[in-house]
C-alpha atoms as a PDB file:
ATOM      1  CA  UNK A   1    -123.395 -53.317 -34.440  1.00  0.00           C
ATOM      2  CA  UNK A   2    -126.402 -55.169 -36.176  1.00  0.00           C
ATOM      3  CA  UNK A   3    -125.352 -58.647 -35.477  1.00  0.00           C
ATOM      4  CA  UNK A   4    -125.444 -57.170 -31.897  1.00  0.00           C
ATOM      5  CA  UNK A   5    -129.270 -55.956 -32.345  1.00  0.00           C
ATOM      6  CA  UNK A   6    -130.150 -58.636 -33.865  1.00  0.00           C
ATOM      7  CA  UNK A   7    -128.297 -61.123 -31.447  1.00  0.00           C
ATOM      8  CA  UNK A   8    -126.375 -63.032 -34.291  1.00  0.00           C
ATOM      9  CA  UNK A   9    -123.010 -63.868 -34.503  1.00  0.00           C
ATOM     10  CA  UNK A  10    -120.789 -60.869 -36.636  1.00  0.00           C
ATOM     11  CA  UNK A  11    -120.013 -64.044 -39.469  1.00  0.00           C
ATOM     12  CA  UNK A  12    -123.608 -64.849 -39.674  1.00  0.00           C
ATOM     13  CA  UNK A  13    -124.494 -61.094 -40.645  1.00  0.00           C
ATOM     14  CA  UNK A  14    -121.456 -61.104 -42.820  1.00  0.00           C
ATOM     15  CA  UNK A  15    -122.477 -64.424 -44.635  1.00  0.00           C
ATOM     16  CA  UNK A  16    -125.766 -62.980 -45.106  1.00  0.00           C
ATOM     17  CA  UNK A  17    -124.188 -59.734 -46.563  1.00  0.00           C
ATOM     18  CA  UNK A  18    -122.248 -61.693 -48.898  1.00  0.00           C
ATOM     19  CA  UNK A  19    -125.221 -64.240 -50.157  1.00  0.00           C
ATOM     20  CA  UNK A  20    -127.626 -60.426 -50.607  1.00  0.00           C
ATOM     21  CA  UNK A  21    -125.134 -59.168 -52.912  1.00  0.00           C
ATOM     22  CA  UNK A  22    -123.961 -62.129 -54.402  1.00  0.00           C
ATOM     23  CA  UNK A  23    -127.708 -62.729 -55.114  1.00  0.00           C
ATOM     24  CA  UNK A  24    -129.011 -59.599 -56.581  1.00  0.00           C
ATOM     25  CA  UNK A  25    -126.003 -59.261 -58.534  1.00  0.00           C
ATOM     26  CA  UNK A  26    -124.364 -55.875 -57.017  1.00  0.00           C
ATOM     27  CA  UNK A  27    -121.067 -55.204 -56.137  1.00  0.00           C
ATOM     28  CA  UNK A  28    -121.269 -53.036 -52.619  1.00  0.00           C
ATOM     29  CA  UNK A  29    -122.251 -51.624 -50.388  1.00  0.00           C
ATOM     30  CA  UNK A  30    -123.961 -48.426 -51.871  1.00  0.00           C
ATOM     31  CA  UNK A  31    -125.823 -50.915 -54.464  1.00  0.00           C
ATOM     32  CA  UNK A  32    -127.407 -52.622 -51.850  1.00  0.00           C
ATOM     33  CA  UNK A  33    -128.725 -50.050 -50.576  1.00  0.00           C
ATOM     34  CA  UNK A  34    -129.703 -48.534 -53.800  1.00  0.00           C
ATOM     35  CA  UNK A  35    -131.644 -51.587 -54.717  1.00  0.00           C
ATOM     36  CA  UNK A  36    -133.063 -51.775 -50.971  1.00  0.00           C
ATOM     37  CA  UNK A  37    -134.658 -48.567 -51.716  1.00  0.00           C
ATOM     38  CA  UNK A  38    -135.885 -48.915 -55.205  1.00  0.00           C
ATOM     39  CA  UNK A  39    -137.681 -51.729 -54.148  1.00  0.00           C
ATOM     40  CA  UNK A  40    -139.222 -49.907 -50.723  1.00  0.00           C
ATOM     41  CA  UNK A  41    -137.732 -51.816 -48.073  1.00  0.00           C
ATOM     42  CA  UNK A  42    -135.767 -49.118 -46.374  1.00  0.00           C
END
């Protein structure tokens, strides 16, 4: 759904997701969301 809304390929969005997790040092989506909330990104 995110890929469709941004007019990107699924693989592109998945790659961004993987690299964000690596760069931020988080193990899963819940932790990634927590970081986004703590940084006032959402």
